Amino acid sequence: MKQTVKTLLILALGIMLIPCIAFFKDSLFKVKDKPLPDKVKIYLTEDKTVKTISRMDYLLYSTLASIPMDMSDETIKAQMILQNTYIAREAESPDPSLDGAHISDDETVYQKVFTKEEASGVYDNLDEILKRLKPLAEEVYDTVLTYGGDPVAVAYFERSFGSTESAEDIWGEDISYLTSVDCDTDKEEEASETEISKDDLKKALENQLDISLSDDYDSWIKVIKESKNGTPLKVLIDGQKEMSASELYMLLSLPSQHFTFKVTDEAFVFSTKGSGHLVGFCQSYAEQLASEGKSFEEILNYFYKDCEIKSIK
């Protein structure tokens, strides 16, 4: 139970906080003839120092932080390729403020990489899990996912509501290979409820938007734009200011952006389906595809249209 509960909590938070900036950074480089780094450098924000780890350790410990370990080998290999692809983009154009590092440990900006201690705190049987992961990592060690020769913008999340959403709808960025695809079996998942008191909601919205809300609770949140799948995209707050539904779901720490809500005497009750930002690689449906005999190549090609899996040595 310790492993399952902790894993879900950490993964849900980590996947929710994977930033949009990772998808919108310029990537005017070609992956051809540019090998992946042998070492990955991580800027430690508290110490203001740079930690260097092998890319094998990066691949193992970023995967441990990114996906539940009860997934199949093919799903995990697909996730590992996304981890490789992510570091390929970051290594090519790192932020100058990171003092030569590729990424930092700021989880609101960069993907999470567990330390060994953190991984041990989540997984009681870490040594056993690493024995399983290492051969998978070796198989895809030099593999990345590309579009037009460039590493793709890496987007993944835990569970959909029955389909993924496009990057254009969720973030306003037209990325041709990050479109909406069906995830039929996820429709069977029950919705979860998040109750937020009127006082807490009022405080959060007023602080975020620098406004004063009226006493008309029914006007506080109005969905004014939805995707074709019914996911809120834009909301009007108390008739005063518009905000993206992405911003709202992050502000309120909802499980996903696919929500409806009702107003009770004391609270707003949000009903959500899915977990994460809903764009790109859906881990739960990837596992369904794997159970149907699909390979990691077929799984990645399902979510990332017209992309190519390449080996770089």
C-alpha atoms as a PDB file:
ATOM      1  CA  MET A   1       0.000   0.000   0.000  1.00  0.00           C
ATOM      2  CA  LYS A   2       2.839   2.400   0.814  1.00  0.00           C
ATOM      3  CA  GLN A   3       4.257   2.029  -2.676  1.00  0.00           C
ATOM      4  CA  THR A   4       0.940   2.474  -4.484  1.00  0.00           C
ATOM      5  CA  VAL A   5      -0.341   5.452  -2.499  1.00  0.00           C
ATOM      6  CA  LYS A   6       2.918   7.368  -2.469  1.00  0.00           C
ATOM      7  CA  THR A   7       3.525   6.710  -6.141  1.00  0.00           C
ATOM      8  CA  LEU A   8       0.126   7.993  -7.176  1.00  0.00           C
ATOM      9  CA  LEU A   9       0.430  11.105  -5.039  1.00  0.00           C
ATOM     10  CA  ILE A  10       3.872  12.015  -6.325  1.00  0.00           C
ATOM     11  CA  LEU A  11       3.116  11.189  -9.939  1.00  0.00           C
ATOM     12  CA  ALA A  12      -0.169  13.098  -9.900  1.00  0.00           C
ATOM     13  CA  LEU A  13       1.557  16.216  -8.597  1.00  0.00           C
ATOM     14  CA  GLY A  14       4.593  15.845 -10.815  1.00  0.00           C
ATOM     15  CA  ILE A  15       2.638  15.326 -14.012  1.00  0.00           C
ATOM     16  CA  MET A  16       0.271  18.172 -13.182  1.00  0.00           C
ATOM     17  CA  LEU A  17       3.174  20.582 -12.753  1.00  0.00           C
ATOM     18  CA  ILE A  18       5.046  19.716 -15.932  1.00  0.00           C
ATOM     19  CA  PRO A  19       5.252  23.216 -17.383  1.00  0.00           C
ATOM     20  CA  CYS A  20       3.946  24.556 -20.645  1.00  0.00           C
ATOM     21  CA  ILE A  21       7.296  26.288 -21.161  1.00  0.00           C
ATOM     22  CA  ALA A  22       8.864  22.913 -21.949  1.00  0.00           C
ATOM     23  CA  PHE A  23       6.602  22.623 -24.968  1.00  0.00           C
ATOM     24  CA  PHE A  24       7.005  26.153 -26.282  1.00  0.00           C
ATOM     25  CA  LYS A  25      10.766  26.613 -26.148  1.00  0.00           C
ATOM     26  CA  ASP A  26      12.424  27.260 -29.498  1.00  0.00           C
ATOM     27  CA  SER A  27      13.763  24.078 -31.010  1.00  0.00           C
ATOM     28  CA  LEU A  28      15.401  25.138 -34.236  1.00  0.00           C
ATOM     29  CA  PHE A  29      17.954  22.372 -34.073  1.00  0.00           C
ATOM     30  CA  LYS A  30      18.182  19.006 -35.732  1.00  0.00           C
ATOM     31  CA  VAL A  31      18.717  15.799 -33.833  1.00  0.00           C
ATOM     32  CA  LYS A  32      20.724  14.297 -36.701  1.00  0.00           C
ATOM     33  CA  ASP A  33      24.331  13.563 -35.787  1.00  0.00           C
ATOM     34  CA  LYS A  34      23.902  15.115 -32.327  1.00  0.00           C
ATOM     35  CA  PRO A  35      24.306  12.363 -29.743  1.00  0.00           C
ATOM     36  CA  LEU A  36      22.535  12.429 -26.446  1.00  0.00           C
ATOM     37  CA  PRO A  37      24.740  13.630 -23.575  1.00  0.00           C
ATOM     38  CA  ASP A  38      26.622  10.955 -21.649  1.00  0.00           C
ATOM     39  CA  LYS A  39      26.081  12.958 -18.459  1.00  0.00           C
ATOM     40  CA  VAL A  40      23.065  14.936 -17.324  1.00  0.00           C
ATOM     41  CA  LYS A  41      23.661  18.053 -15.270  1.00  0.00           C
ATOM     42  CA  ILE A  42      21.012  19.179 -12.782  1.00  0.00           C
ATOM     43  CA  TYR A  43      21.058  22.605 -11.147  1.00  0.00           C
ATOM     44  CA  LEU A  44      20.163  22.381  -7.452  1.00  0.00           C
ATOM     45  CA  THR A  45      18.202  25.527  -6.692  1.00  0.00           C
ATOM     46  CA  GLU A  46      18.653  25.460  -2.918  1.00  0.00           C
ATOM     47  CA  ASP A  47      22.427  24.901  -2.937  1.00  0.00           C
ATOM     48  CA  LYS A  48      23.034  26.797  -6.195  1.00  0.00           C
ATOM     49  CA  THR A  49      25.307  23.982  -7.318  1.00  0.00           C
ATOM     50  CA  VAL A  50      25.284  21.603 -10.282  1.00  0.00           C
ATOM     51  CA  LYS A  51      24.959  17.835  -9.778  1.00  0.00           C
ATOM     52  CA  THR A  52      26.141  15.513 -12.561  1.00  0.00           C
ATOM     53  CA  ILE A  53      24.654  12.053 -13.054  1.00  0.00           C
ATOM     54  CA  SER A  54      25.049   9.460 -15.796  1.00  0.00           C
ATOM     55  CA  ARG A  55      22.369   9.460 -18.443  1.00  0.00           C
ATOM     56  CA  MET A  56      21.557   5.892 -17.451  1.00  0.00           C
ATOM     57  CA  ASP A  57      20.783   7.112 -13.925  1.00  0.00           C
ATOM     58  CA  TYR A  58      18.821  10.005 -15.405  1.00  0.00           C
ATOM     59  CA  LEU A  59      16.828   7.571 -17.531  1.00  0.00           C
ATOM     60  CA  LEU A  60      16.137   5.265 -14.595  1.00  0.00           C
ATOM     61  CA  TYR A  61      15.320   7.841 -11.931  1.00  0.00           C
ATOM     62  CA  SER A  62      13.340  10.197 -14.150  1.00  0.00           C
ATOM     63  CA  THR A  63      11.273   7.211 -15.295  1.00  0.00           C
ATOM     64  CA  LEU A  64      10.714   6.176 -11.675  1.00  0.00           C
ATOM     65  CA  ALA A  65       9.360   9.686 -11.045  1.00  0.00           C
ATOM     66  CA  SER A  66       7.214   9.751 -14.162  1.00  0.00           C
ATOM     67  CA  ILE A  67       5.174   6.555 -14.380  1.00  0.00           C
ATOM     68  CA  PRO A  68       3.820   3.876 -12.011  1.00  0.00           C
ATOM     69  CA  MET A  69       5.985   0.786 -11.906  1.00  0.00           C
ATOM     70  CA  ASP A  70       3.043  -1.600 -12.300  1.00  0.00           C
ATOM     71  CA  MET A  71       2.928  -0.684 -15.986  1.00  0.00           C
ATOM     72  CA  SER A  72       4.032  -3.145 -18.671  1.00  0.00           C
ATOM     73  CA  ASP A  73       7.511  -3.197 -20.214  1.00  0.00           C
ATOM     74  CA  GLU A  74       6.293  -1.722 -23.513  1.00  0.00           C
ATOM     75  CA  THR A  75       4.604   1.213 -21.784  1.00  0.00           C
ATOM     76  CA  ILE A  76       7.678   1.877 -19.668  1.00  0.00           C
ATOM     77  CA  LYS A  77       9.981   1.736 -22.692  1.00  0.00           C
ATOM     78  CA  ALA A  78       7.750   4.273 -24.434  1.00  0.00           C
ATOM     79  CA  GLN A  79       8.023   6.513 -21.360  1.00  0.00           C
ATOM     80  CA  MET A  80      11.816   6.103 -21.326  1.00  0.00           C
ATOM     81  CA  ILE A  81      12.024   7.257 -24.930  1.00  0.00           C
ATOM     82  CA  LEU A  82      10.077  10.364 -23.955  1.00  0.00           C
ATOM     83  CA  GLN A  83      12.536  10.960 -21.098  1.00  0.00           C
ATOM     84  CA  ASN A  84      15.434  10.692 -23.560  1.00  0.00           C
ATOM     85  CA  THR A  85      13.662  13.026 -25.961  1.00  0.00           C
ATOM     86  CA  TYR A  86      13.072  15.566 -23.215  1.00  0.00           C
ATOM     87  CA  ILE A  87      16.723  15.730 -22.211  1.00  0.00           C
ATOM     88  CA  ALA A  88      17.768  15.913 -25.884  1.00  0.00           C
ATOM     89  CA  ARG A  89      15.770  19.149 -26.250  1.00  0.00           C
ATOM     90  CA  GLU A  90      16.982  20.599 -22.983  1.00  0.00           C
ATOM     91  CA  ALA A  91      20.636  19.699 -23.595  1.00  0.00           C
ATOM     92  CA  GLU A  92      20.632  21.457 -26.943  1.00  0.00           C
ATOM     93  CA  SER A  93      19.363  24.797 -25.651  1.00  0.00           C
ATOM     94  CA  PRO A  94      19.774  24.964 -21.848  1.00  0.00           C
ATOM     95  CA  ASP A  95      18.741  27.992 -19.843  1.00  0.00           C
ATOM     96  CA  PRO A  96      21.859  30.170 -19.314  1.00  0.00           C
ATOM     97  CA  SER A  97      20.777  30.839 -15.720  1.00  0.00           C
ATOM     98  CA  LEU A  98      21.398  27.162 -14.839  1.00  0.00           C
ATOM     99  CA  ASP A  99      25.178  27.623 -14.697  1.00  0.00           C
ATOM    100  CA  GLY A 100      25.865  25.060 -17.397  1.00  0.00           C
ATOM    101  CA  ALA A 101      23.263  22.525 -16.270  1.00  0.00           C
ATOM    102  CA  HIS A 102      20.711  20.979 -18.629  1.00  0.00           C
ATOM    103  CA  ILE A 103      17.777  21.113 -16.207  1.00  0.00           C
ATOM    104  CA  SER A 104      17.093  22.110 -12.601  1.00  0.00           C
ATOM    105  CA  ASP A 105      15.328  20.495  -9.656  1.00  0.00           C
ATOM    106  CA  ASP A 106      12.568  23.118  -9.850  1.00  0.00           C
ATOM    107  CA  GLU A 107       9.611  20.835 -10.551  1.00  0.00           C
ATOM    108  CA  THR A 108       7.384  23.713 -11.651  1.00  0.00           C
ATOM    109  CA  VAL A 109       9.694  24.207 -14.639  1.00  0.00           C
ATOM    110  CA  TYR A 110      11.449  20.890 -15.277  1.00  0.00           C
ATOM    111  CA  GLN A 111      10.516  17.245 -15.120  1.00  0.00           C
ATOM    112  CA  LYS A 112      11.198  15.456 -11.871  1.00  0.00           C
ATOM    113  CA  VAL A 113      14.257  13.247 -11.431  1.00  0.00           C
ATOM    114  CA  PHE A 114      14.220  11.235  -8.219  1.00  0.00           C
ATOM    115  CA  THR A 115      17.302  10.998  -6.068  1.00  0.00           C
ATOM    116  CA  LYS A 116      18.009   7.459  -4.888  1.00  0.00           C
ATOM    117  CA  GLU A 117      16.751   8.450  -1.433  1.00  0.00           C
ATOM    118  CA  GLU A 118      13.483   9.794  -2.833  1.00  0.00           C
ATOM    119  CA  ALA A 119      12.976   6.664  -4.925  1.00  0.00           C
ATOM    120  CA  SER A 120      13.642   4.466  -1.880  1.00  0.00           C
ATOM    121  CA  GLY A 121      11.015   6.399   0.037  1.00  0.00           C
ATOM    122  CA  VAL A 122       8.434   5.621  -2.643  1.00  0.00           C
ATOM    123  CA  TYR A 123       9.386   2.074  -3.567  1.00  0.00           C
ATOM    124  CA  ASP A 124      10.072  -0.479  -0.839  1.00  0.00           C
ATOM    125  CA  ASN A 125      11.514  -2.871  -3.430  1.00  0.00           C
ATOM    126  CA  LEU A 126      13.676  -0.369  -5.316  1.00  0.00           C
ATOM    127  CA  ASP A 127      16.539  -2.787  -6.004  1.00  0.00           C
ATOM    128  CA  GLU A 128      14.145  -5.278  -7.543  1.00  0.00           C
ATOM    129  CA  ILE A 129      12.518  -2.579  -9.668  1.00  0.00           C
ATOM    130  CA  LEU A 130      15.888  -1.301 -10.900  1.00  0.00           C
ATOM    131  CA  LYS A 131      16.835  -4.834 -11.961  1.00  0.00           C
ATOM    132  CA  ARG A 132      13.730  -4.848 -14.111  1.00  0.00           C
ATOM    133  CA  LEU A 133      14.244  -1.319 -15.480  1.00  0.00           C
ATOM    134  CA  LYS A 134      17.914  -1.520 -16.473  1.00  0.00           C
ATOM    135  CA  PRO A 135      17.468  -3.972 -19.383  1.00  0.00           C
ATOM    136  CA  LEU A 136      14.559  -1.851 -20.649  1.00  0.00           C
ATOM    137  CA  ALA A 137      16.690   1.286 -20.434  1.00  0.00           C
ATOM    138  CA  GLU A 138      19.548  -0.428 -22.249  1.00  0.00           C
ATOM    139  CA  GLU A 139      17.185  -1.397 -25.063  1.00  0.00           C
ATOM    140  CA  VAL A 140      16.099   2.211 -25.719  1.00  0.00           C
ATOM    141  CA  TYR A 141      19.185   3.988 -24.351  1.00  0.00           C
ATOM    142  CA  ASP A 142      19.970   5.910 -27.559  1.00  0.00           C
ATOM    143  CA  THR A 143      16.395   6.275 -28.793  1.00  0.00           C
ATOM    144  CA  VAL A 144      14.413   9.502 -29.176  1.00  0.00           C
ATOM    145  CA  LEU A 145      11.118  10.532 -30.762  1.00  0.00           C
ATOM    146  CA  THR A 146      11.414  13.094 -33.550  1.00  0.00           C
ATOM    147  CA  TYR A 147       9.300  15.182 -35.886  1.00  0.00           C
ATOM    148  CA  GLY A 148      10.957  16.565 -38.993  1.00  0.00           C
ATOM    149  CA  GLY A 149      14.325  15.663 -37.502  1.00  0.00           C
ATOM    150  CA  ASP A 150      13.725  17.513 -34.232  1.00  0.00           C
ATOM    151  CA  PRO A 151      13.055  15.949 -30.835  1.00  0.00           C
ATOM    152  CA  VAL A 152       9.347  16.300 -30.160  1.00  0.00           C
ATOM    153  CA  ALA A 153       7.862  18.495 -27.454  1.00  0.00           C
ATOM    154  CA  VAL A 154       7.372  15.945 -24.674  1.00  0.00           C
ATOM    155  CA  ALA A 155       3.922  15.882 -23.103  1.00  0.00           C
ATOM    156  CA  TYR A 156       2.506  13.026 -21.048  1.00  0.00           C
ATOM    157  CA  PHE A 157      -0.060  12.523 -18.309  1.00  0.00           C
ATOM    158  CA  GLU A 158      -1.555   9.775 -16.197  1.00  0.00           C
ATOM    159  CA  ARG A 159      -5.152   9.206 -17.302  1.00  0.00           C
ATOM    160  CA  SER A 160      -7.641  10.666 -19.793  1.00  0.00           C
ATOM    161  CA  PHE A 161     -11.414  11.048 -19.640  1.00  0.00           C
ATOM    162  CA  GLY A 162     -11.867   9.057 -22.858  1.00  0.00           C
ATOM    163  CA  SER A 163      -9.592  10.998 -25.193  1.00  0.00           C
ATOM    164  CA  THR A 164      -6.562  13.241 -25.140  1.00  0.00           C
ATOM    165  CA  GLU A 165      -6.744  16.935 -25.973  1.00  0.00           C
ATOM    166  CA  SER A 166      -4.706  18.924 -28.494  1.00  0.00           C
ATOM    167  CA  ALA A 167      -1.908  21.278 -27.510  1.00  0.00           C
ATOM    168  CA  GLU A 168      -3.716  23.971 -29.471  1.00  0.00           C
ATOM    169  CA  ASP A 169      -6.855  23.680 -27.344  1.00  0.00           C
ATOM    170  CA  ILE A 170      -5.172  23.334 -23.962  1.00  0.00           C
ATOM    171  CA  TRP A 171      -2.200  25.696 -24.357  1.00  0.00           C
ATOM    172  CA  GLY A 172      -3.040  27.695 -27.475  1.00  0.00           C
ATOM    173  CA  GLU A 173       0.020  26.291 -29.259  1.00  0.00           C
ATOM    174  CA  ASP A 174      -0.574  24.530 -32.589  1.00  0.00           C
ATOM    175  CA  ILE A 175       1.747  21.505 -32.475  1.00  0.00           C
ATOM    176  CA  SER A 176       0.756  19.302 -35.391  1.00  0.00           C
ATOM    177  CA  TYR A 177       1.619  15.990 -33.721  1.00  0.00           C
ATOM    178  CA  LEU A 178      -0.072  16.768 -30.384  1.00  0.00           C
ATOM    179  CA  THR A 179      -3.682  16.314 -31.418  1.00  0.00           C
ATOM    180  CA  SER A 180      -6.706  14.705 -29.787  1.00  0.00           C
ATOM    181  CA  VAL A 181      -6.885  10.889 -29.973  1.00  0.00           C
ATOM    182  CA  ASP A 182      -9.407   8.412 -28.572  1.00  0.00           C
ATOM    183  CA  CYS A 183      -8.728   6.557 -25.323  1.00  0.00           C
ATOM    184  CA  ASP A 184     -11.913   4.523 -25.192  1.00  0.00           C
ATOM    185  CA  THR A 185     -11.319   2.451 -22.079  1.00  0.00           C
ATOM    186  CA  ASP A 186     -10.672   5.542 -19.941  1.00  0.00           C
ATOM    187  CA  LYS A 187     -14.344   6.471 -20.341  1.00  0.00           C
ATOM    188  CA  GLU A 188     -15.121   3.726 -17.847  1.00  0.00           C
ATOM    189  CA  GLU A 189     -13.292   5.504 -15.026  1.00  0.00           C
ATOM    190  CA  GLU A 190     -15.469   7.171 -12.406  1.00  0.00           C
ATOM    191  CA  ALA A 191     -15.295  10.913 -11.886  1.00  0.00           C
ATOM    192  CA  SER A 192     -13.667  12.249  -8.733  1.00  0.00           C
ATOM    193  CA  GLU A 193     -15.023  15.123  -6.657  1.00  0.00           C
ATOM    194  CA  THR A 194     -13.105  18.057  -5.208  1.00  0.00           C
ATOM    195  CA  GLU A 195     -14.958  20.301  -2.765  1.00  0.00           C
ATOM    196  CA  ILE A 196     -13.685  23.860  -2.301  1.00  0.00           C
ATOM    197  CA  SER A 197     -15.346  26.159   0.219  1.00  0.00           C
ATOM    198  CA  LYS A 198     -16.738  29.418  -1.067  1.00  0.00           C
ATOM    199  CA  ASP A 199     -14.357  31.326   1.190  1.00  0.00           C
ATOM    200  CA  ASP A 200     -11.308  29.461  -0.124  1.00  0.00           C
ATOM    201  CA  LEU A 201     -12.419  29.834  -3.734  1.00  0.00           C
ATOM    202  CA  LYS A 202     -13.100  33.535  -3.247  1.00  0.00           C
ATOM    203  CA  LYS A 203      -9.659  34.078  -1.762  1.00  0.00           C
ATOM    204  CA  ALA A 204      -7.913  32.133  -4.532  1.00  0.00           C
ATOM    205  CA  LEU A 205      -9.685  33.905  -7.384  1.00  0.00           C
ATOM    206  CA  GLU A 206      -9.379  37.370  -5.897  1.00  0.00           C
ATOM    207  CA  ASN A 207      -5.684  36.947  -5.209  1.00  0.00           C
ATOM    208  CA  GLN A 208      -5.012  35.506  -8.645  1.00  0.00           C
ATOM    209  CA  LEU A 209      -6.971  38.079 -10.651  1.00  0.00           C
ATOM    210  CA  ASP A 210      -6.802  41.121  -8.346  1.00  0.00           C
ATOM    211  CA  ILE A 211     -10.576  41.567  -8.319  1.00  0.00           C
ATOM    212  CA  SER A 212     -13.398  41.610  -5.754  1.00  0.00           C
ATOM    213  CA  LEU A 213     -16.069  38.966  -6.271  1.00  0.00           C
ATOM    214  CA  SER A 214     -19.756  39.741  -5.895  1.00  0.00           C
ATOM    215  CA  ASP A 215     -22.152  37.887  -3.592  1.00  0.00           C
ATOM    216  CA  ASP A 216     -23.699  36.135  -6.607  1.00  0.00           C
ATOM    217  CA  TYR A 217     -21.970  32.748  -6.253  1.00  0.00           C
ATOM    218  CA  ASP A 218     -23.579  31.377  -9.413  1.00  0.00           C
ATOM    219  CA  SER A 219     -21.723  33.999 -11.460  1.00  0.00           C
ATOM    220  CA  TRP A 220     -18.280  33.326 -10.032  1.00  0.00           C
ATOM    221  CA  ILE A 221     -17.304  30.720 -12.638  1.00  0.00           C
ATOM    222  CA  LYS A 222     -18.871  30.431 -16.085  1.00  0.00           C
ATOM    223  CA  VAL A 223     -17.389  28.196 -18.768  1.00  0.00           C
ATOM    224  CA  ILE A 224     -17.444  30.205 -21.999  1.00  0.00           C
ATOM    225  CA  LYS A 225     -15.390  27.945 -24.266  1.00  0.00           C
ATOM    226  CA  GLU A 226     -15.018  24.172 -24.472  1.00  0.00           C
ATOM    227  CA  SER A 227     -13.096  21.747 -26.650  1.00  0.00           C
ATOM    228  CA  LYS A 228     -14.965  19.430 -29.005  1.00  0.00           C
ATOM    229  CA  ASN A 229     -14.611  16.810 -26.246  1.00  0.00           C
ATOM    230  CA  GLY A 230     -16.292  18.996 -23.634  1.00  0.00           C
ATOM    231  CA  THR A 231     -13.161  20.059 -21.747  1.00  0.00           C
ATOM    232  CA  PRO A 232     -13.422  23.659 -20.468  1.00  0.00           C
ATOM    233  CA  LEU A 233     -10.916  25.918 -22.217  1.00  0.00           C
ATOM    234  CA  LYS A 234     -11.878  29.392 -21.052  1.00  0.00           C
ATOM    235  CA  VAL A 235     -13.886  30.669 -18.080  1.00  0.00           C
ATOM    236  CA  LEU A 236     -15.384  34.026 -17.137  1.00  0.00           C
ATOM    237  CA  ILE A 237     -14.922  34.962 -13.492  1.00  0.00           C
ATOM    238  CA  ASP A 238     -17.854  36.852 -11.962  1.00  0.00           C
ATOM    239  CA  GLY A 239     -18.493  38.592 -15.283  1.00  0.00           C
ATOM    240  CA  GLN A 240     -15.296  40.575 -14.758  1.00  0.00           C
ATOM    241  CA  LYS A 241     -12.256  38.739 -16.102  1.00  0.00           C
ATOM    242  CA  GLU A 242     -11.561  35.818 -18.389  1.00  0.00           C
ATOM    243  CA  MET A 243      -8.975  33.195 -17.558  1.00  0.00           C
ATOM    244  CA  SER A 244      -7.898  29.951 -19.187  1.00  0.00           C
ATOM    245  CA  ALA A 245      -9.347  26.786 -17.729  1.00  0.00           C
ATOM    246  CA  SER A 246      -5.761  25.487 -17.543  1.00  0.00           C
ATOM    247  CA  GLU A 247      -4.912  28.315 -15.179  1.00  0.00           C
ATOM    248  CA  LEU A 248      -8.031  27.645 -13.111  1.00  0.00           C
ATOM    249  CA  TYR A 249      -7.466  23.901 -12.719  1.00  0.00           C
ATOM    250  CA  MET A 250      -3.867  24.512 -11.679  1.00  0.00           C
ATOM    251  CA  LEU A 251      -4.901  27.261  -9.260  1.00  0.00           C
ATOM    252  CA  LEU A 252      -7.468  25.005  -7.597  1.00  0.00           C
ATOM    253  CA  SER A 253      -5.288  21.846  -7.740  1.00  0.00           C
ATOM    254  CA  LEU A 254      -7.985  19.886  -9.564  1.00  0.00           C
ATOM    255  CA  PRO A 255      -6.984  16.434 -10.843  1.00  0.00           C
ATOM    256  CA  SER A 256      -7.525  17.480 -14.463  1.00  0.00           C
ATOM    257  CA  GLN A 257      -8.944  20.212 -16.660  1.00  0.00           C
ATOM    258  CA  HIS A 258     -11.921  18.096 -17.722  1.00  0.00           C
ATOM    259  CA  PHE A 259     -14.373  19.275 -15.084  1.00  0.00           C
ATOM    260  CA  THR A 260     -17.925  20.275 -14.322  1.00  0.00           C
ATOM    261  CA  PHE A 261     -19.079  21.839 -11.073  1.00  0.00           C
ATOM    262  CA  LYS A 262     -22.071  22.606  -8.915  1.00  0.00           C
ATOM    263  CA  VAL A 263     -22.648  25.201  -6.208  1.00  0.00           C
ATOM    264  CA  THR A 264     -23.928  24.081  -2.795  1.00  0.00           C
ATOM    265  CA  ASP A 265     -24.769  26.146   0.263  1.00  0.00           C
ATOM    266  CA  GLU A 266     -21.168  26.183   1.462  1.00  0.00           C
ATOM    267  CA  ALA A 267     -18.930  25.101  -1.406  1.00  0.00           C
ATOM    268  CA  PHE A 268     -18.174  24.573  -5.070  1.00  0.00           C
ATOM    269  CA  VAL A 269     -18.031  20.851  -5.875  1.00  0.00           C
ATOM    270  CA  PHE A 270     -15.906  20.043  -8.949  1.00  0.00           C
ATOM    271  CA  SER A 271     -16.393  16.713 -10.704  1.00  0.00           C
ATOM    272  CA  THR A 272     -13.337  15.771 -12.782  1.00  0.00           C
ATOM    273  CA  LYS A 273     -12.358  12.926 -15.072  1.00  0.00           C
ATOM    274  CA  GLY A 274      -8.790  12.146 -15.982  1.00  0.00           C
ATOM    275  CA  SER A 275      -5.544  13.044 -14.263  1.00  0.00           C
ATOM    276  CA  GLY A 276      -3.028  15.551 -15.598  1.00  0.00           C
ATOM    277  CA  HIS A 277      -3.010  18.108 -18.390  1.00  0.00           C
ATOM    278  CA  LEU A 278      -4.583  15.725 -20.975  1.00  0.00           C
ATOM    279  CA  VAL A 279      -2.115  16.397 -23.819  1.00  0.00           C
ATOM    280  CA  GLY A 280       0.117  13.837 -25.516  1.00  0.00           C
ATOM    281  CA  PHE A 281       1.056  10.407 -24.139  1.00  0.00           C
ATOM    282  CA  CYS A 282      -1.714   9.014 -21.916  1.00  0.00           C
ATOM    283  CA  GLN A 283      -0.130   6.390 -19.679  1.00  0.00           C
ATOM    284  CA  SER A 284      -3.330   4.542 -18.815  1.00  0.00           C
ATOM    285  CA  TYR A 285      -4.347   4.105 -22.440  1.00  0.00           C
ATOM    286  CA  ALA A 286      -0.785   3.268 -23.432  1.00  0.00           C
ATOM    287  CA  GLU A 287      -1.108   0.377 -20.989  1.00  0.00           C
ATOM    288  CA  GLN A 288      -4.351  -0.665 -22.671  1.00  0.00           C
ATOM    289  CA  LEU A 289      -2.593  -0.677 -26.052  1.00  0.00           C
ATOM    290  CA  ALA A 290       0.255  -2.719 -24.566  1.00  0.00           C
ATOM    291  CA  SER A 291      -2.266  -5.251 -23.238  1.00  0.00           C
ATOM    292  CA  GLU A 292      -3.530  -5.621 -26.811  1.00  0.00           C
ATOM    293  CA  GLY A 293      -0.036  -6.583 -27.946  1.00  0.00           C
ATOM    294  CA  LYS A 294       1.119  -3.208 -29.255  1.00  0.00           C
ATOM    295  CA  SER A 295       4.863  -2.477 -29.156  1.00  0.00           C
ATOM    296  CA  PHE A 296       6.373   0.665 -27.672  1.00  0.00           C
ATOM    297  CA  GLU A 297       6.860   1.969 -31.230  1.00  0.00           C
ATOM    298  CA  GLU A 298       3.178   1.480 -32.036  1.00  0.00           C
ATOM    299  CA  ILE A 299       2.158   3.051 -28.734  1.00  0.00           C
ATOM    300  CA  LEU A 300       4.216   6.194 -29.311  1.00  0.00           C
ATOM    301  CA  ASN A 301       2.999   6.485 -32.897  1.00  0.00           C
ATOM    302  CA  TYR A 302      -0.591   6.342 -31.663  1.00  0.00           C
ATOM    303  CA  PHE A 303      -0.195   9.441 -29.496  1.00  0.00           C
ATOM    304  CA  TYR A 304       2.404  11.315 -31.562  1.00  0.00           C
ATOM    305  CA  LYS A 305       1.122  11.427 -35.120  1.00  0.00           C
ATOM    306  CA  ASP A 306       3.595  11.367 -38.014  1.00  0.00           C
ATOM    307  CA  CYS A 307       6.607  11.201 -35.699  1.00  0.00           C
ATOM    308  CA  GLU A 308       9.677   9.005 -36.130  1.00  0.00           C
ATOM    309  CA  ILE A 309      11.535   6.946 -33.539  1.00  0.00           C
ATOM    310  CA  LYS A 310      15.281   7.302 -34.110  1.00  0.00           C
ATOM    311  CA  SER A 311      18.419   5.853 -32.615  1.00  0.00           C
ATOM    312  CA  ILE A 312      21.261   8.342 -32.019  1.00  0.00           C
ATOM    313  CA  LYS A 313      24.730   7.039 -31.183  1.00  0.00           C
END
